C-alpha atoms as a PDB file:
ATOM      1  CA  MET A   1      19.734 -17.756   8.058  1.00  0.00           C
ATOM      2  CA  SER A   2      16.451 -17.951   6.133  1.00  0.00           C
ATOM      3  CA  ASN A   3      14.704 -19.621   9.087  1.00  0.00           C
ATOM      4  CA  ALA A   4      15.715 -16.894  11.512  1.00  0.00           C
ATOM      5  CA  PRO A   5      13.137 -14.471  12.868  1.00  0.00           C
ATOM      6  CA  LEU A   6      13.224 -10.814  11.931  1.00  0.00           C
ATOM      7  CA  MET A   7      15.732  -8.908  14.076  1.00  0.00           C
ATOM      8  CA  PRO A   8      17.207 -12.018  15.746  1.00  0.00           C
ATOM      9  CA  MET A   9      19.243 -10.126  18.353  1.00  0.00           C
ATOM     10  CA  ALA A  10      16.239  -8.045  19.495  1.00  0.00           C
ATOM     11  CA  THR A  11      14.076 -11.187  19.480  1.00  0.00           C
ATOM     12  CA  ALA A  12      16.641 -12.951  21.674  1.00  0.00           C
ATOM     13  CA  VAL A  13      16.569 -10.001  24.100  1.00  0.00           C
ATOM     14  CA  TRP A  14      12.784 -10.246  24.342  1.00  0.00           C
ATOM     15  CA  LEU A  15      12.795 -14.040  24.772  1.00  0.00           C
ATOM     16  CA  LEU A  16      15.389 -13.775  27.569  1.00  0.00           C
ATOM     17  CA  ASP A  17      13.389 -11.082  29.363  1.00  0.00           C
ATOM     18  CA  ASN A  18       9.956 -12.655  28.968  1.00  0.00           C
ATOM     19  CA  THR A  19      10.319 -16.463  28.915  1.00  0.00           C
ATOM     20  CA  THR A  20      11.966 -19.327  30.770  1.00  0.00           C
ATOM     21  CA  LEU A  21      13.512 -20.823  27.621  1.00  0.00           C
ATOM     22  CA  THR A  22      17.088 -22.120  27.746  1.00  0.00           C
ATOM     23  CA  PHE A  23      19.995 -20.328  26.099  1.00  0.00           C
ATOM     24  CA  ARG A  24      20.252 -23.204  23.611  1.00  0.00           C
ATOM     25  CA  GLN A  25      16.571 -22.940  22.586  1.00  0.00           C
ATOM     26  CA  ILE A  26      16.831 -19.182  22.094  1.00  0.00           C
ATOM     27  CA  ALA A  27      20.145 -19.518  20.222  1.00  0.00           C
ATOM     28  CA  GLU A  28      18.721 -22.148  17.854  1.00  0.00           C
ATOM     29  CA  PHE A  29      15.567 -20.141  17.198  1.00  0.00           C
ATOM     30  CA  CYS A  30      17.427 -16.871  16.576  1.00  0.00           C
ATOM     31  CA  ASN A  31      20.316 -18.478  14.641  1.00  0.00           C
ATOM     32  CA  LEU A  32      22.780 -17.139  17.192  1.00  0.00           C
ATOM     33  CA  HIS A  33      25.575 -18.905  19.078  1.00  0.00           C
ATOM     34  CA  GLU A  34      24.700 -20.066  22.577  1.00  0.00           C
ATOM     35  CA  VAL A  35      27.580 -17.934  23.957  1.00  0.00           C
ATOM     36  CA  GLU A  36      26.034 -14.836  22.300  1.00  0.00           C
ATOM     37  CA  VAL A  37      22.724 -15.520  24.042  1.00  0.00           C
ATOM     38  CA  GLN A  38      24.546 -15.955  27.361  1.00  0.00           C
ATOM     39  CA  GLY A  39      26.334 -12.633  26.680  1.00  0.00           C
ATOM     40  CA  ILE A  40      22.962 -10.970  26.088  1.00  0.00           C
ATOM     41  CA  ALA A  41      21.694 -12.384  29.397  1.00  0.00           C
ATOM     42  CA  ASP A  42      24.820 -11.124  31.200  1.00  0.00           C
ATOM     43  CA  GLY A  43      24.431  -7.662  29.626  1.00  0.00           C
ATOM     44  CA  GLU A  44      27.730  -7.872  27.730  1.00  0.00           C
ATOM     45  CA  VAL A  45      26.182  -8.233  24.271  1.00  0.00           C
ATOM     46  CA  ALA A  46      23.326  -6.281  22.646  1.00  0.00           C
ATOM     47  CA  LYS A  47      23.509  -3.345  25.067  1.00  0.00           C
ATOM     48  CA  GLY A  48      20.794  -0.830  24.275  1.00  0.00           C
ATOM     49  CA  ILE A  49      18.874  -3.178  21.961  1.00  0.00           C
ATOM     50  CA  VAL A  50      15.161  -3.044  22.677  1.00  0.00           C
ATOM     51  CA  GLY A  51      13.438  -6.413  22.760  1.00  0.00           C
ATOM     52  CA  TYR A  52      11.298  -7.344  19.750  1.00  0.00           C
ATOM     53  CA  ASN A  53       8.161  -9.335  20.570  1.00  0.00           C
ATOM     54  CA  PRO A  54       7.968 -12.304  18.142  1.00  0.00           C
ATOM     55  CA  ILE A  55       4.367 -13.019  19.192  1.00  0.00           C
ATOM     56  CA  ILE A  56       3.100  -9.642  18.023  1.00  0.00           C
ATOM     57  CA  ALA A  57       5.205 -10.013  14.878  1.00  0.00           C
ATOM     58  CA  GLY A  58       3.495 -13.343  14.160  1.00  0.00           C
ATOM     59  CA  GLN A  59       6.758 -15.316  14.274  1.00  0.00           C
ATOM     60  CA  LEU A  60       5.848 -17.297  17.383  1.00  0.00           C
ATOM     61  CA  THR A  61       2.732 -18.193  19.317  1.00  0.00           C
ATOM     62  CA  LYS A  62       2.290 -18.211  23.093  1.00  0.00           C
ATOM     63  CA  GLU A  63       1.484 -21.923  22.864  1.00  0.00           C
ATOM     64  CA  GLU A  64       4.772 -22.613  21.057  1.00  0.00           C
ATOM     65  CA  ILE A  65       6.732 -20.795  23.789  1.00  0.00           C
ATOM     66  CA  GLU A  66       4.823 -22.633  26.548  1.00  0.00           C
ATOM     67  CA  LEU A  67       5.458 -26.048  24.961  1.00  0.00           C
ATOM     68  CA  SER A  68       9.186 -25.364  24.612  1.00  0.00           C
ATOM     69  CA  SER A  69       9.379 -23.903  28.133  1.00  0.00           C
ATOM     70  CA  LYS A  70       8.101 -27.197  29.547  1.00  0.00           C
ATOM     71  CA  ASP A  71      10.520 -29.336  27.484  1.00  0.00           C
ATOM     72  CA  GLU A  72      14.143 -28.108  27.360  1.00  0.00           C
ATOM     73  CA  LEU A  73      14.951 -30.394  24.423  1.00  0.00           C
ATOM     74  CA  ARG A  74      12.096 -29.108  22.247  1.00  0.00           C
ATOM     75  CA  PRO A  75      13.226 -26.423  19.760  1.00  0.00           C
ATOM     76  CA  LEU A  76      11.043 -23.407  18.983  1.00  0.00           C
ATOM     77  CA  LYS A  77       9.436 -23.469  15.571  1.00  0.00           C
ATOM     78  CA  LEU A  78       9.208 -20.290  13.520  1.00  0.00           C
ATOM     79  CA  ASN A  79       5.665 -19.610  12.349  1.00  0.00           C
ATOM     80  CA  ASN A  80       5.420 -20.080   8.611  1.00  0.00           C
ATOM     81  CA  TYR A  81       3.682 -16.951   7.525  1.00  0.00           C
ATOM     82  CA  ASN A  82       3.649 -15.512   4.066  1.00  0.00           C
ATOM     83  CA  LEU A  83       3.484 -11.803   3.656  1.00  0.00           C
ATOM     84  CA  ASP A  84       1.365 -10.744   0.711  1.00  0.00           C
ATOM     85  CA  ILE A  85       3.528  -8.125  -0.902  1.00  0.00           C
ATOM     86  CA  SER A  86       1.608  -6.789  -3.847  1.00  0.00           C
ATOM     87  CA  GLU A  87       2.389  -3.877  -6.050  1.00  0.00           C
ATOM     88  CA  ASP A  88      -0.122  -1.161  -5.493  1.00  0.00           C
ATOM     89  CA  ASN A  89       0.474   1.079  -8.468  1.00  0.00           C
ATOM     90  CA  ASN A  90      -2.268   3.492  -7.387  1.00  0.00           C
ATOM     91  CA  LYS A  91      -0.187   4.702  -4.451  1.00  0.00           C
ATOM     92  CA  ILE A  92       3.032   5.227  -6.397  1.00  0.00           C
ATOM     93  CA  LYS A  93       3.230   8.558  -8.140  1.00  0.00           C
ATOM     94  CA  LYS A  94       5.178   8.140 -11.342  1.00  0.00           C
ATOM     95  CA  TYR A  95       7.649  10.884 -12.172  1.00  0.00           C
ATOM     96  CA  VAL A  96       6.711  12.692 -15.359  1.00  0.00           C
ATOM     97  CA  PRO A  97       9.631  14.363 -17.145  1.00  0.00           C
ATOM     98  CA  LEU A  98       9.386  18.069 -17.950  1.00  0.00           C
ATOM     99  CA  SER A  99       9.107  17.345 -21.663  1.00  0.00           C
ATOM    100  CA  LYS A 100       5.931  15.310 -21.073  1.00  0.00           C
ATOM    101  CA  ARG A 101       4.218  17.633 -18.592  1.00  0.00           C
ATOM    102  CA  GLN A 102       2.547  19.567 -21.404  1.00  0.00           C
ATOM    103  CA  ASP A 103       0.901  16.271 -22.347  1.00  0.00           C
ATOM    104  CA  LYS A 104      -1.197  16.384 -19.167  1.00  0.00           C
ATOM    105  CA  PRO A 105      -3.456  19.302 -20.230  1.00  0.00           C
ATOM    106  CA  ASP A 106      -3.547  17.809 -23.757  1.00  0.00           C
ATOM    107  CA  SER A 107      -4.733  14.529 -22.239  1.00  0.00           C
ATOM    108  CA  ALA A 108      -7.344  16.298 -20.117  1.00  0.00           C
ATOM    109  CA  LEU A 109      -8.701  17.933 -23.288  1.00  0.00           C
ATOM    110  CA  TRP A 110      -8.852  14.522 -25.010  1.00  0.00           C
ATOM    111  CA  LEU A 111     -10.733  13.003 -22.053  1.00  0.00           C
ATOM    112  CA  LEU A 112     -13.190  15.918 -21.995  1.00  0.00           C
ATOM    113  CA  LYS A 113     -13.906  15.452 -25.712  1.00  0.00           C
ATOM    114  CA  GLN A 114     -13.993  11.637 -25.788  1.00  0.00           C
ATOM    115  CA  HIS A 115     -15.482  10.815 -22.380  1.00  0.00           C
ATOM    116  CA  GLY A 116     -17.753  13.654 -21.304  1.00  0.00           C
ATOM    117  CA  SER A 117     -19.330  11.478 -18.613  1.00  0.00           C
ATOM    118  CA  LEU A 118     -16.176  11.671 -16.475  1.00  0.00           C
ATOM    119  CA  LYS A 119     -16.277  14.183 -13.629  1.00  0.00           C
ATOM    120  CA  ASP A 120     -13.619  16.893 -13.527  1.00  0.00           C
ATOM    121  CA  SER A 121     -12.187  15.360 -10.360  1.00  0.00           C
ATOM    122  CA  GLN A 122     -11.858  11.957 -12.094  1.00  0.00           C
ATOM    123  CA  ILE A 123     -10.012  13.507 -15.029  1.00  0.00           C
ATOM    124  CA  ALA A 124      -7.748  15.445 -12.674  1.00  0.00           C
ATOM    125  CA  LYS A 125      -6.911  12.274 -10.743  1.00  0.00           C
ATOM    126  CA  LEU A 126      -6.286  10.190 -13.875  1.00  0.00           C
ATOM    127  CA  VAL A 127      -4.119  12.748 -15.637  1.00  0.00           C
ATOM    128  CA  GLY A 128      -2.393  14.160 -12.566  1.00  0.00           C
ATOM    129  CA  ILE A 129      -3.359  17.824 -12.762  1.00  0.00           C
ATOM    130  CA  THR A 130      -5.523  20.024 -10.565  1.00  0.00           C
ATOM    131  CA  LYS A 131      -9.306  20.053 -10.788  1.00  0.00           C
ATOM    132  CA  ASN A 132      -9.137  23.801 -11.410  1.00  0.00           C
ATOM    133  CA  SER A 133      -7.029  23.160 -14.518  1.00  0.00           C
ATOM    134  CA  VAL A 134      -9.602  20.660 -15.807  1.00  0.00           C
ATOM    135  CA  VAL A 135     -12.430  23.164 -15.199  1.00  0.00           C
ATOM    136  CA  ALA A 136     -10.424  25.864 -17.009  1.00  0.00           C
ATOM    137  CA  ILE A 137      -9.828  23.531 -19.982  1.00  0.00           C
ATOM    138  CA  ARG A 138     -13.544  22.618 -20.062  1.00  0.00           C
ATOM    139  CA  ASN A 139     -14.503  26.325 -19.998  1.00  0.00           C
ATOM    140  CA  LYS A 140     -11.790  27.162 -22.563  1.00  0.00           C
ATOM    141  CA  SER A 141     -10.285  29.636 -20.116  1.00  0.00           C
ATOM    142  CA  TYR A 142      -7.060  27.654 -19.587  1.00  0.00           C
ATOM    143  CA  TRP A 143      -4.063  29.985 -19.990  1.00  0.00           C
ATOM    144  CA  ASN A 144      -2.656  27.984 -22.909  1.00  0.00           C
ATOM    145  CA  PHE A 145      -5.918  26.646 -24.343  1.00  0.00           C
ATOM    146  CA  ASN A 146      -5.240  27.743 -27.960  1.00  0.00           C
ATOM    147  CA  ASN A 147      -2.074  25.611 -28.043  1.00  0.00           C
ATOM    148  CA  LEU A 148      -3.648  22.438 -26.610  1.00  0.00           C
ATOM    149  CA  ILE A 149      -3.824  19.398 -28.862  1.00  0.00           C
ATOM    150  CA  ALA A 150      -6.066  16.548 -27.704  1.00  0.00           C
ATOM    151  CA  LYS A 151      -3.866  13.477 -27.150  1.00  0.00           C
ATOM    152  CA  ASP A 152      -4.803   9.995 -25.954  1.00  0.00           C
ATOM    153  CA  PRO A 153      -3.314   9.667 -22.432  1.00  0.00           C
ATOM    154  CA  VAL A 154      -3.247   5.850 -22.554  1.00  0.00           C
ATOM    155  CA  ALA A 155      -1.191   5.932 -25.755  1.00  0.00           C
ATOM    156  CA  MET A 156       1.209   8.398 -24.099  1.00  0.00           C
ATOM    157  CA  GLY A 157       1.530   6.208 -21.011  1.00  0.00           C
ATOM    158  CA  LEU A 158       0.106   8.621 -18.417  1.00  0.00           C
ATOM    159  CA  PHE A 159      -2.117   5.822 -17.102  1.00  0.00           C
ATOM    160  CA  SER A 160      -3.340   2.375 -18.166  1.00  0.00           C
ATOM    161  CA  GLN A 161      -6.402   1.370 -20.162  1.00  0.00           C
ATOM    162  CA  LYS A 162      -7.583  -0.454 -17.021  1.00  0.00           C
ATOM    163  CA  ASP A 163      -7.488   2.814 -15.038  1.00  0.00           C
ATOM    164  CA  LEU A 164      -9.545   4.530 -17.746  1.00  0.00           C
ATOM    165  CA  GLN A 165     -12.035   1.659 -17.876  1.00  0.00           C
ATOM    166  CA  GLU A 166     -12.497   1.725 -14.085  1.00  0.00           C
ATOM    167  CA  ALA A 167     -13.087   5.486 -14.160  1.00  0.00           C
ATOM    168  CA  LEU A 168     -15.640   5.121 -16.963  1.00  0.00           C
ATOM    169  CA  GLU A 169     -17.486   2.359 -15.089  1.00  0.00           C
ATOM    170  CA  LYS A 170     -17.567   4.521 -11.971  1.00  0.00           C
ATOM    171  CA  ALA A 171     -18.957   7.440 -13.995  1.00  0.00           C
ATOM    172  CA  GLU A 172     -21.591   5.140 -15.513  1.00  0.00           C
ATOM    173  CA  ARG A 173     -22.708   3.985 -12.052  1.00  0.00           C
ATOM    174  CA  ARG A 174     -22.896   7.606 -10.874  1.00  0.00           C
ATOM    175  CA  ILE A 175     -25.053   8.582 -13.876  1.00  0.00           C
ATOM    176  CA  LYS A 176     -27.427   5.658 -13.220  1.00  0.00           C
ATOM    177  CA  ARG A 177     -27.708   6.676  -9.552  1.00  0.00           C
ATOM    178  CA  GLU A 178     -28.459  10.270 -10.524  1.00  0.00           C
ATOM    179  CA  LYS A 179     -31.145   9.146 -13.017  1.00  0.00           C
ATOM    180  CA  LYS A 180     -32.792   6.980 -10.349  1.00  0.00           C
ATOM    181  CA  GLN A 181     -32.688   9.876  -7.895  1.00  0.00           C
ATOM    182  CA  LYS A 182     -34.290  12.266 -10.419  1.00  0.00           C
ATOM    183  CA  GLU A 183     -36.960   9.696 -11.273  1.00  0.00           C
ATOM    184  CA  LYS A 184     -37.691   9.237  -7.575  1.00  0.00           C
ATOM    185  CA  GLU A 185     -37.957  13.009  -7.049  1.00  0.00           C
ATOM    186  CA  ARG A 186     -40.215  13.350 -10.124  1.00  0.00           C
ATOM    187  CA  LEU A 187     -42.543  10.629  -8.789  1.00  0.00           C
ATOM    188  CA  ASN A 188     -42.607  12.258  -5.339  1.00  0.00           C
ATOM    189  CA  ASN A 189     -43.442  15.668  -6.852  1.00  0.00           C
ATOM    190  CA  ASN A 190     -46.345  14.185  -8.873  1.00  0.00           C
ATOM    191  CA  ASN A 191     -47.930  12.681  -5.759  1.00  0.00           C
END
């Protein structure tokens, strides 16, 4: 069944409706029995199933269908395509237990002390708190500021060292841009 297209029954419906392929060709391609394909054509099987276009899905090409339509003995060949399924950890919000939620403001305080070049929005994104909370911690007006203890967020597992490094590099680029802009303005004002 590993060489079957996605949604074989719906694919068979589409192939019956949109091609001149034989029942045998469709059955072999979809890993179905030839009698099932004939039942689909007669309307006895797969009632209400909407056809699934294997061309749009990248499982077949128009050329492949045309070649097999001209030669009844030629089987359809499933396109070998590899889906690149990568873990994108940036999109997945990790659940933080209640007992560790106090660590977020503590981590924001640590980042403010250790890496002052980071913008408030960067700290908020890294730690997972609001920008307003970061501003309040910076201004020492956070509701629980006196009880905050600066803690390394990487050591606590709130985010990775790589995430911190990327944020620091971004902040460094921003600072360089701002310096260039100020230098440019200073030169323009002198002229």
